[in-house]
Amino acid sequence: MRQLRRSRHRFLALLGTAALALAGAVALPGTAQAANILTNPGFETGSLSPWSCSGNLGSIVSSPVHGGSKALAGAVSSSDNAQCTQTVSVQPNTTYSLKGWVRGSYVYLGVDGGASTWTSSPSAYSQLSVSFTTGASQTSAKIYVHGWYAQGTYYADDISLDGPGGGGGSDTQAPTAPTGLTSTGKTSSSVSLSWAASSDNVGVTAYDIYSGSNQLLSVSGTSATVSGLSASTAYTFTVKARDAAGSTSGASNSVSVTTNAGGGGGTGFKQAAPYLYEGWGDPPNPTTVMNATGVKWFTMAFVLDSGGCTPSWDSSRPLTGGVDQTAINQIRSAGGDIVPSFGGWQGSKLGANCSSASALTGALQKVIDAYGLKAIDMDIENTDEFENEAVQAKILTALKTVKANNPGLRTIVTFGTSTTGPTYYGNRLIEQAQSLNANIDVFTIMPFDFGGGSDMYGNTVNAAEGLKTKLKSTFGWDDATAYSHIGISGMNGLSDQQENTTPAIWTQIRDWSNTHHIARLAYWSVNRDRSCPGGGVVSNCSGISQSTWQFTSITAGFTG
């Protein structure tokens, strides 16, 4: 029997990181001003210069990129780590901050003879950051990025060395404001912008794109695409130029754009979809439940891996032709529809077991094709998926791809939460979604199994508000847009940790969800939507006194 619970619950040594010697200096090190002194930091010129790569193994590519339209690719071989370097002038006895976005297996960023750092992030860009202090007479520093022998091509983009340039002078003249800002294209979830270059007495190093007072993106060139927007929503953008000394120009002209309808964002997508599980807990006839409650959608659990990245229901039931398809046919014949849930707390999961994002994409597409789906839910739990950043990135990349390949498809990610909002791994999931431009429609939290606490309404609302705050800060959304990307998936009756969500509390949660116009309301599960006061936490009833299908009836009243 499947576990009832759905809650969240070095390949090689580092290179030496000895600090640069102070050579007897007695003065305290200065702190570098926040200004990027690297040239061609985002490789937007389309050439390597002034970067130099060992073995001629560096090249400029158009995909994958972190920002702008270009990035560096280092074609690592079995005998060369494809190190790319740039030497810059620096001031003595000064602390500098080195950052860069990298992607690949075992990618390093550092300063020659000094500090370095590394990461392994083969499926998505990840930011590296390290600081170092120059010596008392040091006037130059060699910055490097490289991969590791025989570990495949790495990518790097938007590298910055923040601090004053050499010579001790200061640039106090700000760049001119960008002009001619215009929209060059839009979808339901993105807006493309371009503008004329600014001028500066030394040089412009970056352009910052704003929506209102929120900085959304920084790029090196004169064009950008802002993603993760809501459908049918008006946005106003401006751009500011920044030079090597950190001086910022005035704002460009503003341009207002309304995104297209449909296809993207959370706006307009509303789904009341309790979980139904055909492999456990005396599964009810879905038509009986629909006729009694008025519910139209069900979240069908769980699509897992039956071996070789092959999707099947619960790793054991056929994708088509079995009891799951029978239930789906019944639901659709009664005027409803389903969203399959991939993953869950346990079992052999496609996200963890498929070898790559492209393989996972293929597995998801098989299910989409089998049922002509309008939406899919990735229930990301446990250490194999939720607490594995590489697997998180693999899942998000696959969702981005299937959404692009299936116009109108809605994508949902479901994950655990604390009483105050996303945990570290929840925050990381949201940040990766933004970094990858995954364009997720709904971020659904599971507000139960908190580890104690009796106020299930208050805890649920606080968790949802924490999620809203995180979405706002990550994507630059306003309150309404953030709420429209939120889902809540509760647990009816008794949870694994004896928390009690009564019908009255679930009604409060539904009413709050309607008032704040969130996107999705679900609970685990219809199988348990039956009375058994004192029955404990079991698969086919809620453990409390209630009417049959009472939680489903309440959920059916969710309109968003």
Protein backbone atom coordinates (compact mmCIF):
# COMPACT_ATOMS: atom_id res chain seq x y z
CA MET A 1 0.00 0.00 0.00
CA ARG A 2 1.26 3.41 -0.87
CA GLN A 3 2.39 5.51 2.04
CA LEU A 4 -0.33 8.00 3.01
CA ARG A 5 2.09 10.84 3.52
CA ARG A 6 2.64 13.45 0.79
CA SER A 7 4.68 15.93 2.77
CA ARG A 8 8.09 17.41 2.08
CA HIS A 9 9.98 16.01 4.35
CA ARG A 10 33.24 15.70 -4.31
CA PHE A 11 34.09 14.09 -7.21
CA LEU A 12 37.46 15.94 -6.70
CA ALA A 13 39.12 18.27 -4.25
CA LEU A 14 38.78 22.01 -4.53
CA LEU A 15 41.61 23.93 -6.07
CA GLY A 16 43.74 25.75 -3.56
CA THR A 17 42.18 28.96 -2.26
CA ALA A 18 45.06 30.70 -0.59
CA ALA A 19 44.45 34.45 -0.34
CA LEU A 20 46.61 36.87 -2.26
CA ALA A 21 49.51 37.94 -0.10
CA LEU A 22 49.47 41.38 1.44
CA ALA A 23 53.28 41.51 1.19
CA GLY A 24 53.73 43.25 4.50
CA ALA A 25 51.01 45.87 3.96
CA VAL A 26 49.80 47.46 7.13
CA ALA A 27 46.84 49.42 5.78
CA LEU A 28 43.43 47.82 6.01
CA PRO A 29 42.06 46.73 2.62
CA GLY A 30 39.63 49.04 0.92
CA THR A 31 36.19 47.90 -0.18
CA ALA A 32 35.53 47.83 -3.90
CA GLN A 33 32.76 49.95 -5.29
CA ALA A 34 30.00 47.96 -7.01
CA ALA A 35 31.13 48.40 -10.61
CA ASN A 36 31.99 45.71 -13.14
CA ILE A 37 35.49 46.33 -14.50
CA LEU A 38 35.53 43.34 -16.87
CA THR A 39 35.24 43.95 -20.59
CA ASN A 40 32.71 41.93 -22.61
CA PRO A 41 31.35 40.36 -19.40
CA GLY A 42 28.28 38.87 -21.08
CA PHE A 43 30.01 38.01 -24.39
CA GLU A 44 27.43 40.15 -26.20
CA THR A 45 30.01 41.44 -28.69
CA GLY A 46 29.84 38.02 -30.33
CA SER A 47 33.59 37.52 -29.98
CA LEU A 48 35.89 36.27 -27.21
CA SER A 49 38.08 39.37 -27.03
CA PRO A 50 39.56 40.25 -24.59
CA TRP A 51 39.03 36.77 -23.13
CA SER A 52 41.61 34.15 -24.04
CA CYS A 53 40.85 30.42 -23.90
CA SER A 54 43.33 27.53 -23.66
CA GLY A 55 43.55 25.16 -26.61
CA ASN A 56 41.30 27.44 -28.68
CA LEU A 57 38.46 25.60 -26.95
CA GLY A 58 36.33 28.67 -26.20
CA SER A 59 33.55 29.92 -28.45
CA ILE A 60 30.54 32.22 -28.36
CA VAL A 61 27.10 30.58 -28.52
CA SER A 62 23.52 31.79 -28.70
CA SER A 63 22.10 29.01 -26.52
CA PRO A 64 21.96 28.31 -23.64
CA VAL A 65 22.37 31.86 -22.29
CA HIS A 66 21.71 33.40 -18.90
CA GLY A 67 21.15 36.98 -20.02
CA GLY A 68 21.17 38.77 -23.33
CA SER A 69 21.70 36.75 -26.48
CA LYS A 70 25.24 35.32 -26.15
CA ALA A 71 27.29 33.17 -23.76
CA LEU A 72 30.70 31.50 -23.55
CA ALA A 73 31.08 27.78 -24.28
CA GLY A 74 34.20 25.91 -23.18
CA ALA A 75 34.65 22.63 -25.04
CA VAL A 76 36.50 20.65 -22.36
CA SER A 77 38.61 17.73 -23.57
CA SER A 78 40.26 14.84 -21.76
CA SER A 79 43.52 16.82 -21.60
CA ASP A 80 42.35 20.47 -21.41
CA ASN A 81 39.89 22.09 -19.03
CA ALA A 82 39.16 24.92 -21.54
CA GLN A 83 40.20 27.69 -19.18
CA CYS A 84 39.21 31.19 -20.36
CA THR A 85 40.88 34.21 -18.78
CA GLN A 86 40.83 38.00 -18.79
CA THR A 87 43.46 40.20 -17.16
CA VAL A 88 42.31 43.53 -15.74
CA SER A 89 43.90 46.45 -13.94
CA VAL A 90 43.16 46.60 -10.23
CA GLN A 91 44.05 48.78 -7.28
CA PRO A 92 46.35 47.50 -4.52
CA ASN A 93 45.08 46.43 -1.13
CA THR A 94 41.46 46.40 -2.27
CA THR A 95 38.72 43.81 -1.88
CA TYR A 96 36.97 42.72 -5.09
CA SER A 97 33.83 40.65 -5.63
CA LEU A 98 33.85 38.14 -8.50
CA LYS A 99 30.55 36.63 -9.69
CA GLY A 100 29.42 34.72 -12.73
CA TRP A 101 26.65 32.47 -14.03
CA VAL A 102 27.79 29.02 -15.14
CA ARG A 103 26.28 25.78 -16.36
CA GLY A 104 27.90 22.36 -16.68
CA SER A 105 29.59 19.62 -14.69
CA TYR A 106 32.27 20.99 -12.34
CA VAL A 107 32.69 24.59 -13.47
CA TYR A 108 35.21 26.84 -11.69
CA LEU A 109 35.44 30.61 -11.29
CA GLY A 110 38.39 32.35 -9.66
CA VAL A 111 41.41 34.63 -9.76
CA ASP A 112 44.81 33.32 -10.75
CA GLY A 113 46.91 32.67 -7.65
CA GLY A 114 44.00 33.39 -5.33
CA ALA A 115 40.47 32.44 -4.38
CA SER A 116 38.21 30.20 -6.45
CA THR A 117 34.87 28.46 -6.21
CA TRP A 118 33.00 25.81 -8.20
CA THR A 119 29.65 24.16 -8.77
CA SER A 120 28.10 21.28 -10.68
CA SER A 121 24.90 22.44 -12.40
CA PRO A 122 24.54 20.58 -15.70
CA SER A 123 20.89 21.43 -16.38
CA ALA A 124 20.63 25.12 -15.49
CA TYR A 125 22.67 28.23 -14.92
CA SER A 126 23.86 28.71 -11.34
CA GLN A 127 25.63 31.75 -9.89
CA LEU A 128 29.13 31.47 -8.44
CA SER A 129 30.53 34.14 -6.14
CA VAL A 130 33.90 34.65 -4.51
CA SER A 131 35.82 37.63 -3.11
CA PHE A 132 39.54 38.34 -2.87
CA THR A 133 41.85 41.10 -1.69
CA THR A 134 44.72 42.38 -3.81
CA GLY A 135 48.26 42.66 -2.51
CA ALA A 136 49.86 45.93 -1.40
CA SER A 137 51.58 46.47 -4.76
CA GLN A 138 49.30 44.46 -7.02
CA THR A 139 48.02 46.30 -10.14
CA SER A 140 46.55 43.47 -12.24
CA ALA A 141 44.52 40.31 -11.73
CA LYS A 142 43.79 37.40 -14.06
CA ILE A 143 40.20 36.19 -13.81
CA TYR A 144 39.42 32.68 -15.04
CA VAL A 145 36.56 30.29 -15.66
CA HIS A 146 37.07 26.67 -16.64
CA GLY A 147 35.48 23.23 -16.62
CA TRP A 148 37.02 19.91 -15.69
CA TYR A 149 38.75 17.29 -17.78
CA ALA A 150 36.45 14.99 -19.78
CA GLN A 151 33.34 16.40 -18.07
CA GLY A 152 31.76 17.93 -21.18
CA THR A 153 31.20 21.47 -22.43
CA TYR A 154 30.55 24.17 -19.84
CA TYR A 155 28.85 27.54 -20.33
CA ALA A 156 29.47 30.89 -18.66
CA ASP A 157 27.67 34.21 -18.88
CA ASP A 158 27.31 37.60 -17.18
CA ILE A 159 30.62 37.50 -15.29
CA SER A 160 31.33 40.51 -13.10
CA LEU A 161 34.34 41.75 -11.17
CA ASP A 162 33.04 44.50 -8.94
CA GLY A 163 35.53 47.13 -7.84
CA PRO A 164 37.55 50.15 -8.95
CA GLY A 165 39.71 49.86 -12.02
CA GLY A 166 43.46 50.38 -11.98
CA GLY A 167 45.21 53.70 -11.78
CA GLY A 168 43.37 55.03 -8.75
CA GLY A 169 41.19 57.42 -10.77
CA SER A 170 37.44 57.66 -10.43
CA ASP A 171 34.73 57.93 -13.06
CA THR A 172 32.13 60.39 -11.77
CA GLN A 173 30.28 60.92 -15.04
CA ALA A 174 27.09 58.88 -15.46
CA PRO A 175 26.09 57.46 -18.86
CA THR A 176 23.46 59.15 -20.95
CA ALA A 177 19.95 57.77 -20.69
CA PRO A 178 19.01 55.09 -23.24
CA THR A 179 16.66 56.30 -25.96
CA GLY A 180 14.20 54.75 -28.36
CA LEU A 181 12.94 52.04 -26.02
CA THR A 182 10.37 49.99 -27.89
CA SER A 183 8.71 46.59 -27.74
CA THR A 184 9.79 44.27 -30.54
CA GLY A 185 7.47 41.39 -29.69
CA LYS A 186 5.29 39.81 -27.01
CA THR A 187 3.59 36.58 -26.00
CA SER A 188 1.17 35.80 -23.20
CA SER A 189 4.09 35.55 -20.79
CA SER A 190 6.97 37.63 -22.19
CA VAL A 191 7.85 40.99 -23.72
CA SER A 192 10.88 41.64 -25.96
CA LEU A 193 12.47 45.09 -25.79
CA SER A 194 15.19 47.01 -27.65
CA TRP A 195 16.72 50.47 -27.30
CA ALA A 196 19.51 52.69 -28.61
CA ALA A 197 22.87 52.48 -26.88
CA SER A 198 23.90 55.02 -24.24
CA SER A 199 27.25 56.81 -24.26
CA ASP A 200 29.73 57.24 -21.42
CA ASN A 201 33.12 58.89 -21.00
CA VAL A 202 34.64 55.49 -20.13
CA GLY A 203 32.12 52.88 -21.21
CA VAL A 204 28.70 51.39 -20.52
CA THR A 205 28.89 47.96 -18.88
CA ALA A 206 25.24 47.05 -18.35
CA TYR A 207 21.62 48.00 -18.93
CA ASP A 208 19.06 47.46 -16.16
CA ILE A 209 15.43 46.82 -17.15
CA TYR A 210 12.71 48.05 -14.77
CA SER A 211 8.97 47.63 -14.40
CA GLY A 212 7.98 50.48 -12.14
CA SER A 213 10.55 50.49 -9.31
CA ASN A 214 11.33 46.77 -9.67
CA GLN A 215 14.55 45.85 -11.45
CA LEU A 216 13.75 42.76 -13.50
CA LEU A 217 16.88 42.04 -15.52
CA SER A 218 20.41 43.25 -16.34
CA VAL A 219 21.99 42.68 -19.75
CA SER A 220 25.12 43.76 -21.59
CA GLY A 221 23.53 44.50 -24.97
CA THR A 222 20.71 46.72 -26.20
CA SER A 223 17.92 44.16 -26.25
CA ALA A 224 16.28 41.84 -23.77
CA THR A 225 13.28 39.56 -23.28
CA VAL A 226 11.45 39.79 -19.96
CA SER A 227 9.75 36.45 -19.19
CA GLY A 228 7.50 35.05 -16.48
CA LEU A 229 4.77 37.65 -17.05
CA SER A 230 1.02 37.19 -16.69
CA ALA A 231 -1.35 36.94 -19.63
CA SER A 232 -3.60 39.88 -20.57
CA THR A 233 -1.70 42.17 -18.20
CA ALA A 234 -0.36 45.70 -18.80
CA TYR A 235 3.30 46.37 -17.92
CA THR A 236 5.34 49.57 -18.18
CA PHE A 237 9.09 49.25 -18.76
CA THR A 238 12.09 51.59 -18.58
CA VAL A 239 15.83 51.00 -19.00
CA LYS A 240 18.83 52.59 -17.28
CA ALA A 241 22.50 52.38 -18.33
CA ARG A 242 25.33 51.65 -15.88
CA ASP A 243 29.08 52.24 -16.25
CA ALA A 244 32.15 50.59 -14.74
CA ALA A 245 32.13 52.92 -11.74
CA GLY A 246 28.55 52.00 -10.88
CA SER A 247 27.12 55.33 -12.02
CA THR A 248 23.58 54.96 -13.35
CA SER A 249 21.90 57.01 -16.02
CA GLY A 250 18.45 58.47 -15.90
CA ALA A 251 15.58 56.33 -17.12
CA SER A 252 14.82 55.88 -20.78
CA ASN A 253 11.44 56.70 -22.22
CA SER A 254 8.79 54.33 -20.89
CA VAL A 255 6.93 51.81 -23.01
CA SER A 256 3.66 50.14 -21.98
CA VAL A 257 2.83 46.68 -23.27
CA THR A 258 -0.13 44.39 -22.59
CA THR A 259 0.72 40.71 -22.85
CA ASN A 260 -1.33 38.44 -25.07
CA ALA A 261 -4.29 36.48 -23.75
CA GLY A 262 -4.10 32.79 -22.89
CA GLY A 263 -1.16 30.45 -23.06
CA GLY A 264 0.94 31.84 -20.22
CA GLY A 265 1.03 33.18 -16.74
CA GLY A 266 -1.46 32.28 -14.04
CA THR A 267 -4.07 34.94 -14.82
CA GLY A 268 -7.33 33.41 -16.03
CA PHE A 269 -6.40 29.84 -15.01
CA LYS A 270 -8.61 28.50 -12.21
CA GLN A 271 -8.77 24.88 -11.17
CA ALA A 272 -10.57 23.10 -8.33
CA ALA A 273 -8.99 19.65 -8.62
CA PRO A 274 -8.85 17.31 -5.61
CA TYR A 275 -6.58 14.28 -5.88
CA LEU A 276 -8.06 10.94 -6.96
CA TYR A 277 -5.90 7.82 -6.67
CA GLU A 278 -6.89 4.64 -8.50
CA GLY A 279 -4.18 2.51 -6.89
CA TRP A 280 -5.16 2.82 -3.24
CA GLY A 281 -7.82 3.65 -0.66
CA ASP A 282 -11.02 2.11 -2.15
CA PRO A 283 -11.14 4.52 -5.10
CA PRO A 284 -14.67 5.86 -5.61
CA ASN A 285 -16.52 6.05 -8.88
CA PRO A 286 -15.66 9.55 -10.13
CA THR A 287 -19.05 10.06 -11.79
CA THR A 288 -20.77 9.43 -8.45
CA VAL A 289 -18.55 12.05 -6.82
CA MET A 290 -19.11 14.56 -9.64
CA ASN A 291 -22.90 14.16 -9.52
CA ALA A 292 -22.94 14.57 -5.74
CA THR A 293 -20.62 17.58 -5.52
CA GLY A 294 -20.46 19.44 -8.82
CA VAL A 295 -16.67 19.12 -9.02
CA LYS A 296 -15.32 19.03 -12.59
CA TRP A 297 -11.55 18.52 -12.33
CA PHE A 298 -9.54 15.81 -10.61
CA THR A 299 -5.80 15.58 -10.06
CA MET A 300 -4.96 11.96 -10.93
CA ALA A 301 -2.12 10.41 -8.91
CA PHE A 302 0.57 9.33 -9.64
CA VAL A 303 2.50 8.96 -12.90
CA LEU A 304 5.84 7.30 -12.11
CA ASP A 305 8.67 5.51 -13.91
CA SER A 306 8.18 1.86 -14.77
CA GLY A 307 11.81 1.57 -15.91
CA GLY A 308 13.90 3.24 -18.57
CA CYS A 309 12.19 6.63 -18.16
CA THR A 310 8.86 5.08 -19.20
CA PRO A 311 5.73 6.64 -17.68
CA SER A 312 3.02 4.49 -16.12
CA TRP A 313 0.49 4.86 -13.35
CA ASP A 314 2.13 4.07 -10.02
CA SER A 315 5.04 2.33 -11.85
CA SER A 316 2.77 -0.69 -12.30
CA ARG A 317 -0.48 0.14 -14.12
CA PRO A 318 -0.47 0.74 -17.90
CA LEU A 319 -0.48 4.32 -19.11
CA THR A 320 -3.53 3.59 -21.26
CA GLY A 321 -6.14 0.85 -21.25
CA GLY A 322 -6.29 0.28 -17.49
CA VAL A 323 -8.39 1.45 -14.55
CA ASP A 324 -6.89 4.95 -14.71
CA GLN A 325 -8.01 5.46 -18.28
CA THR A 326 -11.43 4.09 -17.37
CA ALA A 327 -11.73 6.72 -14.63
CA ILE A 328 -10.53 9.47 -16.98
CA ASN A 329 -13.07 8.43 -19.61
CA GLN A 330 -15.82 8.53 -16.98
CA ILE A 331 -14.76 12.01 -15.83
CA ARG A 332 -14.67 13.37 -19.36
CA SER A 333 -18.00 11.76 -20.28
CA ALA A 334 -19.52 13.63 -17.31
CA GLY A 335 -18.16 16.96 -18.60
CA GLY A 336 -15.01 17.10 -16.49
CA ASP A 337 -11.29 16.74 -17.05
CA ILE A 338 -8.10 15.68 -15.28
CA VAL A 339 -4.57 16.84 -14.60
CA PRO A 340 -2.10 13.99 -13.99
CA SER A 341 0.30 14.37 -11.09
CA PHE A 342 3.86 13.19 -11.69
CA GLY A 343 5.91 12.21 -8.64
CA GLY A 344 4.68 12.33 -5.07
CA TRP A 345 6.39 11.36 -1.84
CA GLN A 346 7.72 7.93 -2.76
CA GLY A 347 8.21 5.51 -5.63
CA SER A 348 10.37 5.54 -8.75
CA LYS A 349 10.01 9.05 -10.13
CA LEU A 350 10.56 10.19 -13.68
CA GLY A 351 12.18 13.45 -12.60
CA ALA A 352 14.85 11.62 -10.63
CA ASN A 353 15.34 8.66 -12.97
CA CYS A 354 15.20 10.12 -16.48
CA SER A 355 18.80 10.76 -17.52
CA SER A 356 18.32 14.28 -18.88
CA ALA A 357 15.82 17.07 -19.31
CA SER A 358 15.23 15.98 -22.90
CA ALA A 359 14.51 12.40 -21.80
CA LEU A 360 12.09 13.69 -19.16
CA THR A 361 10.47 15.91 -21.79
CA GLY A 362 9.87 12.84 -23.92
CA ALA A 363 8.27 10.99 -21.02
CA LEU A 364 5.96 13.90 -20.21
CA GLN A 365 5.01 14.21 -23.88
CA LYS A 366 3.92 10.56 -23.97
CA VAL A 367 1.36 11.27 -21.24
CA ILE A 368 0.27 14.55 -22.84
CA ASP A 369 -0.29 12.75 -26.15
CA ALA A 370 -2.05 9.80 -24.53
CA TYR A 371 -4.75 11.97 -22.99
CA GLY A 372 -4.72 15.27 -24.91
CA LEU A 373 -3.95 17.13 -21.69
CA LYS A 374 -4.65 20.75 -20.85
CA ALA A 375 -2.44 20.78 -17.73
CA ILE A 376 0.18 18.72 -15.90
CA ASP A 377 1.25 18.77 -12.24
CA MET A 378 4.78 17.94 -11.06
CA ASP A 379 4.50 16.95 -7.39
CA ILE A 380 8.11 17.50 -6.32
CA GLU A 381 8.85 15.92 -2.95
CA ASN A 382 11.48 14.16 -0.86
CA THR A 383 15.27 14.18 -1.22
CA ASP A 384 15.40 12.62 -4.69
CA GLU A 385 13.60 15.53 -6.40
CA PHE A 386 12.72 18.44 -4.12
CA GLU A 387 16.03 18.50 -2.26
CA ASN A 388 18.15 17.91 -5.36
CA GLU A 389 18.82 21.17 -7.19
CA ALA A 390 19.97 19.45 -10.38
CA VAL A 391 16.77 17.40 -10.52
CA GLN A 392 14.73 20.54 -9.81
CA ALA A 393 16.40 22.17 -12.83
CA LYS A 394 15.82 19.07 -14.97
CA ILE A 395 12.11 19.12 -14.14
CA LEU A 396 11.74 22.84 -14.77
CA THR A 397 13.60 22.61 -18.08
CA ALA A 398 11.34 19.77 -19.20
CA LEU A 399 8.23 21.71 -18.19
CA LYS A 400 9.46 24.73 -20.13
CA THR A 401 9.99 22.58 -23.21
CA VAL A 402 6.66 20.76 -23.17
CA LYS A 403 4.86 24.05 -22.62
CA ALA A 404 6.57 25.52 -25.68
CA ASN A 405 5.75 22.39 -27.69
CA ASN A 406 2.08 22.24 -26.60
CA PRO A 407 0.45 25.69 -26.93
CA GLY A 408 -2.10 26.31 -24.18
CA LEU A 409 -0.70 23.64 -21.83
CA ARG A 410 -0.65 24.78 -18.19
CA THR A 411 2.22 23.71 -15.95
CA ILE A 412 1.94 23.27 -12.18
CA VAL A 413 4.61 22.49 -9.60
CA THR A 414 3.54 21.23 -6.16
CA PHE A 415 5.85 21.18 -3.16
CA GLY A 416 5.97 21.35 0.64
CA THR A 417 6.12 24.48 2.74
CA SER A 418 6.72 25.84 6.21
CA THR A 419 4.08 27.76 8.13
CA THR A 420 5.63 31.02 6.92
CA GLY A 421 6.20 30.18 3.28
CA PRO A 422 8.64 28.22 1.10
CA THR A 423 11.61 26.49 2.69
CA TYR A 424 15.16 26.75 1.32
CA TYR A 425 14.42 24.21 -1.41
CA GLY A 426 11.08 25.82 -2.21
CA ASN A 427 12.78 29.17 -2.61
CA ARG A 428 15.46 27.52 -4.75
CA LEU A 429 12.77 25.96 -6.96
CA ILE A 430 11.15 29.34 -7.54
CA GLU A 431 14.51 31.01 -8.22
CA GLN A 432 15.45 28.30 -10.72
CA ALA A 433 12.08 28.72 -12.44
CA GLN A 434 12.86 32.41 -12.88
CA SER A 435 16.45 31.80 -14.00
CA LEU A 436 15.35 29.22 -16.58
CA ASN A 437 12.38 31.30 -17.78
CA ALA A 438 10.34 28.14 -17.17
CA ASN A 439 7.07 30.14 -17.23
CA ILE A 440 5.34 27.99 -14.58
CA ASP A 441 1.63 28.75 -14.34
CA VAL A 442 0.99 27.68 -10.75
CA PHE A 443 3.25 27.21 -7.74
CA THR A 444 1.19 24.98 -5.41
CA ILE A 445 2.14 24.54 -1.77
CA MET A 446 1.11 21.67 0.52
CA PRO A 447 0.32 23.38 3.84
CA PHE A 448 0.24 20.43 6.24
CA ASP A 449 2.63 18.14 8.12
CA PHE A 450 4.19 21.27 9.57
CA GLY A 451 5.50 19.36 12.58
CA GLY A 452 2.79 20.52 14.93
CA GLY A 453 0.40 23.40 15.35
CA SER A 454 -3.38 23.36 15.52
CA ASP A 455 -4.27 26.52 13.59
CA MET A 456 -4.57 24.98 10.13
CA TYR A 457 -6.38 27.98 8.66
CA GLY A 458 -3.86 30.49 10.02
CA ASN A 459 -0.90 28.31 9.07
CA THR A 460 -2.23 27.81 5.54
CA VAL A 461 -2.87 31.52 4.99
CA ASN A 462 0.55 32.46 6.41
CA ALA A 463 2.26 29.91 4.17
CA ALA A 464 0.40 31.21 1.10
CA GLU A 465 1.26 34.82 1.97
CA GLY A 466 4.91 33.80 2.32
CA LEU A 467 4.75 32.22 -1.13
CA LYS A 468 3.18 35.40 -2.52
CA THR A 469 6.01 37.49 -1.08
CA LYS A 470 8.62 35.18 -2.62
CA LEU A 471 6.95 35.27 -6.04
CA LYS A 472 6.78 39.07 -5.93
CA SER A 473 10.46 39.47 -5.06
CA THR A 474 11.62 36.86 -7.59
CA PHE A 475 9.51 37.83 -10.60
CA GLY A 476 8.80 41.49 -9.88
CA TRP A 477 5.02 40.88 -9.79
CA ASP A 478 2.41 42.89 -7.95
CA ASP A 479 0.12 41.26 -5.35
CA ALA A 480 -2.65 40.33 -7.79
CA THR A 481 -0.27 38.72 -10.26
CA ALA A 482 1.50 36.75 -7.52
CA TYR A 483 -1.78 35.45 -6.10
CA SER A 484 -2.86 34.38 -9.60
CA HIS A 485 0.16 32.02 -9.72
CA ILE A 486 -0.52 30.39 -6.31
CA GLY A 487 -2.11 27.01 -5.61
CA ILE A 488 -3.02 25.36 -2.29
CA SER A 489 -3.17 21.57 -1.88
CA GLY A 490 -4.27 20.65 1.63
CA MET A 491 -5.02 17.40 3.46
CA ASN A 492 -8.58 16.74 4.58
CA GLY A 493 -9.21 15.61 8.13
CA LEU A 494 -6.22 14.23 9.98
CA SER A 495 -2.73 14.63 8.56
CA ASP A 496 0.18 12.29 9.23
CA GLN A 497 1.12 14.54 12.13
CA GLN A 498 -2.43 14.60 13.55
CA GLU A 499 -3.20 18.12 12.36
CA ASN A 500 -6.96 18.40 11.86
CA THR A 501 -8.40 20.29 8.91
CA THR A 502 -12.15 20.16 9.52
CA PRO A 503 -14.81 20.92 6.90
CA ALA A 504 -15.30 24.31 8.57
CA ILE A 505 -11.57 25.10 8.31
CA TRP A 506 -11.43 23.92 4.69
CA THR A 507 -14.38 26.21 3.94
CA GLN A 508 -12.42 29.12 5.44
CA ILE A 509 -9.40 28.21 3.30
CA ARG A 510 -11.57 28.01 0.17
CA ASP A 511 -13.18 31.37 0.92
CA TRP A 512 -9.76 32.98 1.46
CA SER A 513 -8.61 31.46 -1.83
CA ASN A 514 -11.60 32.93 -3.67
CA THR A 515 -11.15 36.34 -2.06
CA HIS A 516 -7.48 36.47 -3.11
CA HIS A 517 -8.14 34.99 -6.57
CA ILE A 518 -5.51 32.27 -6.44
CA ALA A 519 -5.21 29.81 -9.33
CA ARG A 520 -5.75 26.35 -7.87
CA LEU A 521 -7.31 24.53 -4.91
CA ALA A 522 -6.74 20.82 -4.31
CA TYR A 523 -6.52 18.40 -1.41
CA TRP A 524 -5.39 14.88 -0.61
CA SER A 525 -7.63 13.08 -1.29
CA VAL A 526 -11.11 12.19 -2.61
CA ASN A 527 -10.38 8.60 -1.51
CA ARG A 528 -10.32 9.91 2.07
CA ASP A 529 -13.42 12.14 1.73
CA ARG A 530 -15.53 9.85 3.92
CA SER A 531 -16.32 9.81 7.60
CA CYS A 532 -14.55 7.63 10.16
CA PRO A 533 -14.36 9.54 13.48
CA GLY A 534 -11.57 8.07 15.56
CA GLY A 535 -10.38 6.03 12.60
CA GLY A 536 -6.93 7.60 12.56
CA VAL A 537 -4.87 8.40 9.49
CA VAL A 538 -5.94 5.85 6.90
CA SER A 539 -6.33 5.63 3.14
CA ASN A 540 -10.09 5.50 2.66
CA CYS A 541 -11.50 7.99 5.20
CA SER A 542 -10.54 11.26 6.87
CA GLY A 543 -10.32 10.13 10.49
CA ILE A 544 -12.99 12.64 11.54
CA SER A 545 -16.75 13.08 11.48
CA GLN A 546 -18.00 14.50 8.17
CA SER A 547 -20.49 13.99 5.38
CA THR A 548 -19.50 11.80 2.45
CA TRP A 549 -17.76 13.88 -0.23
CA GLN A 550 -18.02 16.99 1.98
CA PHE A 551 -14.50 18.25 1.28
CA THR A 552 -15.01 17.74 -2.46
CA SER A 553 -18.25 19.74 -2.32
CA ILE A 554 -16.44 22.58 -0.55
CA THR A 555 -13.60 22.46 -3.07
CA ALA A 556 -16.09 22.59 -5.96
CA GLY A 557 -17.06 26.03 -4.68
CA PHE A 558 -13.63 27.38 -5.52
CA THR A 559 -13.92 29.87 -8.38
CA GLY A 560 -10.77 31.92 -7.90
